[in-house]
């Protein structure tokens, strides 16, 4: 259960690369216990917006602020409160799923790491292959490792960038169930998607347009 009060706010947010303006004057306030779909055409800036929210990219203009229990969180510390699943995240092929998660657990100082690792591996359906090298996994299984990694430190904010990538029907159902659980437990869910069916399951939508 996520008991922290969360508010993630964007004010006057804009991003451009050279002469290409991805978005401008974006304003929104996102709260715990809700789900938000980030929509837009390929190349519109969905992944860029997520990186800005995570604090990994500085916007051209505007500000992002995360408050946890009414206290402002410094940009460098935002990722401690967030879990990310994205196509551009890598896993270590030479390590097993369990070893990948153990490495992350150490970096994130996850308490009772072995128990937590076993729990998330079970939740994403990888217990039987947990000790096999990730390099032997299918693309769908690799996606499940990324989901497990995002859940590992129990983040109150879950950010999913095209979460259904490479997943079969059971995998998509698993991710959908995790999304529902996260919101029901008081978390904030942000999903970037091109699929109208995925966006329709969220409470609200942030739409991005591309400007030339």
Protein backbone atom coordinates (compact mmCIF):
# COMPACT_ATOMS: atom_id res chain seq x y z
CA UNK A 1 0.00 0.00 0.00
CA UNK A 2 1.31 3.45 -0.99
CA UNK A 3 0.49 5.85 1.84
CA UNK A 4 2.48 8.88 0.65
CA UNK A 5 0.60 11.87 -0.75
CA UNK A 6 1.97 12.47 -4.24
CA UNK A 7 1.61 15.44 -6.57
CA UNK A 8 3.55 15.77 -9.83
CA UNK A 9 3.07 19.17 -11.44
CA UNK A 10 4.16 20.61 -14.79
CA UNK A 11 3.98 24.34 -15.48
CA UNK A 12 4.63 26.00 -18.83
CA UNK A 13 6.48 22.92 -20.01
CA UNK A 14 8.04 23.01 -23.47
CA UNK A 15 10.70 21.06 -25.30
CA UNK A 16 12.47 21.57 -28.59
CA UNK A 17 15.52 20.15 -30.31
CA UNK A 18 16.97 22.66 -32.74
CA UNK A 19 14.05 23.97 -34.80
CA UNK A 20 11.78 21.06 -33.94
CA UNK A 21 9.28 21.94 -31.21
CA UNK A 22 7.88 18.79 -29.65
CA UNK A 23 5.48 20.45 -27.23
CA UNK A 24 4.84 23.80 -25.61
CA UNK A 25 2.95 25.26 -22.68
CA UNK A 26 2.01 21.92 -21.14
CA UNK A 27 0.25 22.27 -17.80
CA UNK A 28 -0.98 19.45 -15.58
CA UNK A 29 -1.11 18.25 -11.98
CA UNK A 30 -1.08 14.49 -11.36
CA UNK A 31 -2.09 12.93 -8.06
CA UNK A 32 -1.79 9.65 -6.18
CA UNK A 33 -4.51 7.09 -6.80
CA UNK A 34 -5.01 8.05 -10.44
CA UNK A 35 -3.89 6.83 -13.87
CA UNK A 36 -2.83 9.05 -16.75
CA UNK A 37 -2.31 8.18 -20.41
CA UNK A 38 0.27 10.16 -22.39
CA UNK A 39 -0.76 9.98 -26.04
CA UNK A 40 0.55 11.30 -29.34
CA UNK A 41 1.89 10.16 -32.69
CA UNK A 42 5.27 8.47 -33.04
CA UNK A 43 7.94 11.12 -32.60
CA UNK A 44 5.60 13.54 -30.85
CA UNK A 45 7.63 13.53 -27.65
CA UNK A 46 5.97 11.03 -25.32
CA UNK A 47 9.24 9.43 -24.21
CA UNK A 48 10.85 12.86 -23.96
CA UNK A 49 8.10 14.04 -21.63
CA UNK A 50 8.56 10.96 -19.44
CA UNK A 51 12.31 11.61 -19.20
CA UNK A 52 11.57 15.18 -18.11
CA UNK A 53 9.15 13.98 -15.44
CA UNK A 54 11.77 11.52 -14.19
CA UNK A 55 14.33 14.32 -13.95
CA UNK A 56 16.60 12.73 -16.55
CA UNK A 57 16.19 15.58 -19.05
CA UNK A 58 15.97 19.34 -18.51
CA UNK A 59 13.04 20.92 -20.37
CA UNK A 60 13.71 23.80 -22.74
CA UNK A 61 11.22 25.91 -20.78
CA UNK A 62 8.94 25.38 -17.82
CA UNK A 63 9.22 23.44 -14.59
CA UNK A 64 8.34 20.08 -13.09
CA UNK A 65 7.84 19.65 -9.38
CA UNK A 66 7.30 16.50 -7.38
CA UNK A 67 5.86 16.78 -3.89
CA UNK A 68 5.74 13.84 -1.51
CA UNK A 69 3.72 14.46 1.65
CA UNK A 70 3.76 18.19 0.82
CA UNK A 71 7.57 18.27 0.70
CA UNK A 72 9.29 19.23 -2.56
CA UNK A 73 11.61 16.52 -3.89
CA UNK A 74 14.86 17.69 -5.54
CA UNK A 75 15.14 16.77 -9.20
CA UNK A 76 18.06 14.40 -8.59
CA UNK A 77 15.98 12.44 -6.09
CA UNK A 78 12.82 12.07 -8.18
CA UNK A 79 13.81 8.67 -9.56
CA UNK A 80 13.85 7.26 -6.02
CA UNK A 81 10.07 7.66 -6.01
CA UNK A 82 9.55 6.36 -9.55
CA UNK A 83 9.69 3.03 -11.37
CA UNK A 84 10.19 3.05 -15.14
CA UNK A 85 9.50 0.48 -17.84
CA UNK A 86 10.73 1.58 -21.27
CA UNK A 87 12.07 0.07 -24.52
CA UNK A 88 15.35 1.95 -24.16
CA UNK A 89 16.16 0.48 -20.74
CA UNK A 90 18.71 -2.30 -20.87
CA UNK A 91 19.27 -5.46 -18.87
CA UNK A 92 22.50 -7.39 -18.42
CA UNK A 93 22.38 -10.39 -20.76
CA UNK A 94 25.18 -12.25 -18.98
CA UNK A 95 23.35 -12.10 -15.65
CA UNK A 96 20.24 -13.99 -14.63
CA UNK A 97 17.00 -12.18 -13.88
CA UNK A 98 17.67 -12.70 -10.19
CA UNK A 99 21.19 -11.28 -10.50
CA UNK A 100 19.94 -8.28 -12.49
CA UNK A 101 17.44 -7.52 -9.74
CA UNK A 102 20.00 -8.13 -7.00
CA UNK A 103 22.28 -5.55 -8.60
CA UNK A 104 19.42 -3.03 -8.69
CA UNK A 105 18.36 -3.86 -5.14
CA UNK A 106 21.85 -3.04 -3.90
CA UNK A 107 21.92 0.23 -5.84
CA UNK A 108 18.47 1.21 -4.53
CA UNK A 109 19.11 -0.09 -1.01
CA UNK A 110 15.99 -2.23 -1.07
CA UNK A 111 15.33 -3.70 2.40
CA UNK A 112 14.93 -7.49 2.67
CA UNK A 113 16.12 -7.69 -0.93
CA UNK A 114 16.00 -11.47 -1.42
CA UNK A 115 12.38 -11.67 -0.31
CA UNK A 116 11.39 -8.70 -2.46
CA UNK A 117 13.22 -10.07 -5.52
CA UNK A 118 11.42 -13.41 -5.16
CA UNK A 119 8.08 -11.60 -4.88
CA UNK A 120 8.48 -9.50 -8.03
CA UNK A 121 9.86 -12.43 -10.04
CA UNK A 122 6.78 -14.41 -9.07
CA UNK A 123 4.50 -11.48 -9.90
CA UNK A 124 5.82 -11.24 -13.46
CA UNK A 125 5.89 -15.01 -13.99
CA UNK A 126 9.64 -15.56 -14.14
CA UNK A 127 10.27 -17.71 -11.05
CA UNK A 128 11.01 -20.84 -13.09
CA UNK A 129 13.61 -19.04 -15.23
CA UNK A 130 14.95 -16.69 -12.56
CA UNK A 131 18.44 -18.23 -12.54
CA UNK A 132 18.89 -18.44 -16.31
CA UNK A 133 20.95 -15.82 -18.14
CA UNK A 134 18.75 -13.05 -19.54
CA UNK A 135 20.56 -13.49 -22.86
CA UNK A 136 18.63 -16.76 -23.27
CA UNK A 137 15.25 -15.02 -22.79
CA UNK A 138 12.69 -14.17 -25.43
CA UNK A 139 11.90 -10.48 -26.01
CA UNK A 140 8.70 -10.86 -24.00
CA UNK A 141 10.57 -12.36 -21.05
CA UNK A 142 13.08 -9.51 -21.17
CA UNK A 143 10.15 -7.09 -20.96
CA UNK A 144 8.94 -8.96 -17.86
CA UNK A 145 12.38 -8.43 -16.27
CA UNK A 146 12.02 -4.69 -16.87
CA UNK A 147 8.60 -4.71 -15.22
CA UNK A 148 10.02 -6.58 -12.22
CA UNK A 149 12.85 -4.04 -11.97
CA UNK A 150 10.38 -1.14 -11.96
CA UNK A 151 8.39 -2.70 -9.12
CA UNK A 152 11.39 -3.72 -7.03
CA UNK A 153 11.65 -0.68 -4.74
CA UNK A 154 7.86 -0.25 -4.37
CA UNK A 155 7.75 3.17 -6.07
CA UNK A 156 4.64 5.29 -5.51
CA UNK A 157 4.89 6.50 -9.12
CA UNK A 158 4.97 3.93 -11.92
CA UNK A 159 5.89 5.22 -15.40
CA UNK A 160 5.30 2.84 -18.30
CA UNK A 161 6.52 3.72 -21.80
CA UNK A 162 4.76 1.41 -24.29
CA UNK A 163 4.46 -1.32 -21.64
CA UNK A 164 2.91 -3.91 -23.98
CA UNK A 165 5.99 -4.00 -26.23
CA UNK A 166 6.93 -7.62 -27.10
CA UNK A 167 4.37 -9.09 -24.70
CA UNK A 168 1.94 -11.86 -25.60
CA UNK A 169 -1.69 -11.86 -24.45
CA UNK A 170 -0.93 -13.30 -20.97
CA UNK A 171 1.88 -10.76 -20.56
CA UNK A 172 -0.39 -7.88 -21.50
CA UNK A 173 -2.99 -9.11 -19.02
CA UNK A 174 -0.34 -9.29 -16.32
CA UNK A 175 0.75 -5.69 -16.95
CA UNK A 176 -2.84 -4.49 -16.99
CA UNK A 177 -3.48 -6.19 -13.63
CA UNK A 178 -0.35 -4.57 -12.18
CA UNK A 179 -1.54 -1.16 -13.35
CA UNK A 180 -4.90 -1.63 -11.67
CA UNK A 181 -3.25 -2.82 -8.45
CA UNK A 182 -0.87 0.13 -8.38
CA UNK A 183 -3.68 2.69 -8.63
CA UNK A 184 -5.91 0.79 -6.19
CA UNK A 185 -3.07 0.85 -3.65
CA UNK A 186 -2.80 4.63 -3.89
CA UNK A 187 -0.02 4.94 -6.46
CA UNK A 188 0.24 7.27 -9.45
CA UNK A 189 0.35 5.53 -12.84
CA UNK A 190 1.59 7.22 -16.03
CA UNK A 191 1.35 5.25 -19.29
CA UNK A 192 2.71 6.45 -22.63
CA UNK A 193 0.92 4.58 -25.39
CA UNK A 194 -0.11 4.60 -29.03
CA UNK A 195 -2.97 2.20 -28.34
CA UNK A 196 -6.40 3.73 -27.83
CA UNK A 197 -7.52 0.70 -25.83
CA UNK A 198 -4.69 1.24 -23.31
CA UNK A 199 -5.36 4.96 -23.06
CA UNK A 200 -9.07 4.34 -22.51
CA UNK A 201 -8.37 2.42 -19.30
CA UNK A 202 -6.77 5.50 -17.69
CA UNK A 203 -8.58 8.15 -15.69
CA UNK A 204 -7.32 11.03 -17.82
CA UNK A 205 -5.19 11.78 -20.87
CA UNK A 206 -2.30 14.15 -21.58
CA UNK A 207 -2.16 14.55 -25.36
CA UNK A 208 0.99 15.72 -27.12
CA UNK A 209 1.01 17.41 -30.52
CA UNK A 210 4.03 18.01 -32.77
CA UNK A 211 4.71 21.57 -33.91
CA UNK A 212 6.99 22.57 -36.77
